[in-house]
Amino acid sequence: MYVGTLSFDLLLGDVRSLKEKRSIVRPIVADLQRKYPVSAAEVEHMDLYRRAGIGLAMVSGDAGHLSDVLDRCERLVAGRPEVELLSVRRRLHGDDD
């Protein structure tokens, strides 16, 4: 069994309220969950307007499949024009850990 996680640190565009922030972050989280077999949520910078942290996790029996899905998730978030991807942290855990 393999577990993979991604943590995204995002800078949002011209956002002036937490309501505007939610209108950007929620669709990203929903797209990740709809398109891929992952669990995703906003996990950091909850009280900042222009910053967001999104975390996601996935469990798979195949490390190659896990890496492929995590790559696709990263491309999806990086391709969103309304956010700037500041950093991505990836972790893979296997039975050997």
C-alpha atoms as a PDB file:
ATOM      1  CA  MET A   1       0.000   0.000   0.000  1.00  0.00           C
ATOM      2  CA  TYR A   2       1.207   3.488  -0.890  1.00  0.00           C
ATOM      3  CA  VAL A   3       0.007   6.829   0.439  1.00  0.00           C
ATOM      4  CA  GLY A   4       0.767  10.070  -1.374  1.00  0.00           C
ATOM      5  CA  THR A   5       0.178  13.630  -0.252  1.00  0.00           C
ATOM      6  CA  LEU A   6       0.502  17.017  -1.906  1.00  0.00           C
ATOM      7  CA  SER A   7       0.523  20.393  -0.158  1.00  0.00           C
ATOM      8  CA  PHE A   8      -0.016  23.471  -2.313  1.00  0.00           C
ATOM      9  CA  ASP A   9       0.853  26.994  -1.173  1.00  0.00           C
ATOM     10  CA  LEU A  10      -1.134  29.428  -3.320  1.00  0.00           C
ATOM     11  CA  LEU A  11      -1.138  33.186  -3.811  1.00  0.00           C
ATOM     12  CA  LEU A  12      -4.535  34.457  -4.911  1.00  0.00           C
ATOM     13  CA  GLY A  13      -5.087  37.424  -7.209  1.00  0.00           C
ATOM     14  CA  ASP A  14      -7.000  40.574  -6.293  1.00  0.00           C
ATOM     15  CA  VAL A  15      -8.989  39.170  -3.373  1.00  0.00           C
ATOM     16  CA  ARG A  16     -10.424  41.522  -0.756  1.00  0.00           C
ATOM     17  CA  SER A  17     -12.488  39.241   1.467  1.00  0.00           C
ATOM     18  CA  LEU A  18     -12.674  35.697   2.769  1.00  0.00           C
ATOM     19  CA  LYS A  19     -15.859  35.258   0.726  1.00  0.00           C
ATOM     20  CA  GLU A  20     -13.962  36.056  -2.491  1.00  0.00           C
ATOM     21  CA  LYS A  21     -11.209  33.700  -1.378  1.00  0.00           C
ATOM     22  CA  ARG A  22     -13.709  30.862  -0.890  1.00  0.00           C
ATOM     23  CA  SER A  23     -15.118  31.501  -4.363  1.00  0.00           C
ATOM     24  CA  ILE A  24     -11.664  30.699  -5.776  1.00  0.00           C
ATOM     25  CA  VAL A  25     -10.506  27.904  -3.454  1.00  0.00           C
ATOM     26  CA  ARG A  26     -13.716  25.846  -3.329  1.00  0.00           C
ATOM     27  CA  PRO A  27     -13.867  25.190  -7.102  1.00  0.00           C
ATOM     28  CA  ILE A  28     -10.222  24.067  -7.094  1.00  0.00           C
ATOM     29  CA  VAL A  29     -10.862  21.598  -4.269  1.00  0.00           C
ATOM     30  CA  ALA A  30     -14.074  20.403  -5.968  1.00  0.00           C
ATOM     31  CA  ASP A  31     -12.261  19.878  -9.313  1.00  0.00           C
ATOM     32  CA  LEU A  32      -9.541  17.826  -7.643  1.00  0.00           C
ATOM     33  CA  GLN A  33     -12.098  15.597  -5.922  1.00  0.00           C
ATOM     34  CA  ARG A  34     -14.304  15.254  -8.991  1.00  0.00           C
ATOM     35  CA  LYS A  35     -11.568  14.444 -11.509  1.00  0.00           C
ATOM     36  CA  TYR A  36      -9.282  12.278  -9.386  1.00  0.00           C
ATOM     37  CA  PRO A  37      -9.672   9.711  -6.579  1.00  0.00           C
ATOM     38  CA  VAL A  38      -8.233  12.015  -3.894  1.00  0.00           C
ATOM     39  CA  SER A  39      -9.315  13.651  -0.678  1.00  0.00           C
ATOM     40  CA  ALA A  40      -8.680  17.397  -0.729  1.00  0.00           C
ATOM     41  CA  ALA A  41      -9.316  20.379   1.539  1.00  0.00           C
ATOM     42  CA  GLU A  42      -8.150  23.878   2.341  1.00  0.00           C
ATOM     43  CA  VAL A  43      -5.716  23.337   5.206  1.00  0.00           C
ATOM     44  CA  GLU A  44      -3.644  26.507   5.743  1.00  0.00           C
ATOM     45  CA  HIS A  45      -3.867  30.298   5.765  1.00  0.00           C
ATOM     46  CA  MET A  46      -7.568  30.221   6.656  1.00  0.00           C
ATOM     47  CA  ASP A  47      -7.585  33.800   7.930  1.00  0.00           C
ATOM     48  CA  LEU A  48      -5.542  35.391   5.114  1.00  0.00           C
ATOM     49  CA  TYR A  49      -7.332  36.782   2.055  1.00  0.00           C
ATOM     50  CA  ARG A  50      -4.657  36.336  -0.567  1.00  0.00           C
ATOM     51  CA  ARG A  51      -3.038  33.072   0.560  1.00  0.00           C
ATOM     52  CA  ALA A  52      -4.387  29.533   0.569  1.00  0.00           C
ATOM     53  CA  GLY A  53      -3.031  26.134   1.449  1.00  0.00           C
ATOM     54  CA  ILE A  54      -4.647  23.095  -0.131  1.00  0.00           C
ATOM     55  CA  GLY A  55      -3.756  19.572   0.920  1.00  0.00           C
ATOM     56  CA  LEU A  56      -4.666  16.311  -0.743  1.00  0.00           C
ATOM     57  CA  ALA A  57      -4.072  12.635  -0.111  1.00  0.00           C
ATOM     58  CA  MET A  58      -4.499   9.403  -2.032  1.00  0.00           C
ATOM     59  CA  VAL A  59      -4.046   5.712  -1.266  1.00  0.00           C
ATOM     60  CA  SER A  60      -3.086   3.198  -3.970  1.00  0.00           C
ATOM     61  CA  GLY A  61      -1.713  -0.277  -4.342  1.00  0.00           C
ATOM     62  CA  ASP A  62       0.553   0.835  -7.203  1.00  0.00           C
ATOM     63  CA  ALA A  63       3.264   3.480  -6.703  1.00  0.00           C
ATOM     64  CA  GLY A  64       3.338   4.322 -10.416  1.00  0.00           C
ATOM     65  CA  HIS A  65      -0.377   5.004 -10.527  1.00  0.00           C
ATOM     66  CA  LEU A  66      -0.114   7.106  -7.374  1.00  0.00           C
ATOM     67  CA  SER A  67       2.671   9.254  -8.849  1.00  0.00           C
ATOM     68  CA  ASP A  68       0.746   9.695 -12.094  1.00  0.00           C
ATOM     69  CA  VAL A  69      -2.392  10.942 -10.308  1.00  0.00           C
ATOM     70  CA  LEU A  70      -0.369  13.290  -8.084  1.00  0.00           C
ATOM     71  CA  ASP A  71       1.348  14.705 -11.198  1.00  0.00           C
ATOM     72  CA  ARG A  72      -2.048  15.342 -12.787  1.00  0.00           C
ATOM     73  CA  CYS A  73      -3.331  17.048  -9.657  1.00  0.00           C
ATOM     74  CA  GLU A  74      -0.284  19.295  -9.572  1.00  0.00           C
ATOM     75  CA  ARG A  75      -0.776  20.257 -13.237  1.00  0.00           C
ATOM     76  CA  LEU A  76      -4.460  21.022 -12.602  1.00  0.00           C
ATOM     77  CA  VAL A  77      -3.665  23.442  -9.778  1.00  0.00           C
ATOM     78  CA  ALA A  78      -0.678  24.994 -11.575  1.00  0.00           C
ATOM     79  CA  GLY A  79      -2.840  25.602 -14.643  1.00  0.00           C
ATOM     80  CA  ARG A  80      -5.436  27.683 -12.810  1.00  0.00           C
ATOM     81  CA  PRO A  81      -5.052  31.303 -14.017  1.00  0.00           C
ATOM     82  CA  GLU A  82      -6.588  32.843 -10.881  1.00  0.00           C
ATOM     83  CA  VAL A  83      -3.842  31.537  -8.571  1.00  0.00           C
ATOM     84  CA  GLU A  84      -0.060  31.576  -8.464  1.00  0.00           C
ATOM     85  CA  LEU A  85       1.477  28.339  -7.249  1.00  0.00           C
ATOM     86  CA  LEU A  86       4.179  29.333  -4.764  1.00  0.00           C
ATOM     87  CA  SER A  87       5.255  25.848  -3.724  1.00  0.00           C
ATOM     88  CA  VAL A  88       4.288  22.193  -3.799  1.00  0.00           C
ATOM     89  CA  ARG A  89       5.363  19.606  -1.261  1.00  0.00           C
ATOM     90  CA  ARG A  90       4.981  15.935  -2.189  1.00  0.00           C
ATOM     91  CA  ARG A  91       5.347  12.964   0.104  1.00  0.00           C
ATOM     92  CA  LEU A  92       5.104   9.272  -0.736  1.00  0.00           C
ATOM     93  CA  HIS A  93       4.866   6.621   1.938  1.00  0.00           C
ATOM     94  CA  GLY A  94       5.108   2.887   1.259  1.00  0.00           C
ATOM     95  CA  ASP A  95       5.101  -0.326   3.214  1.00  0.00           C
ATOM     96  CA  ASP A  96       8.843   0.060   3.758  1.00  0.00           C
ATOM     97  CA  ASP A  97       8.391   3.253   5.828  1.00  0.00           C
END
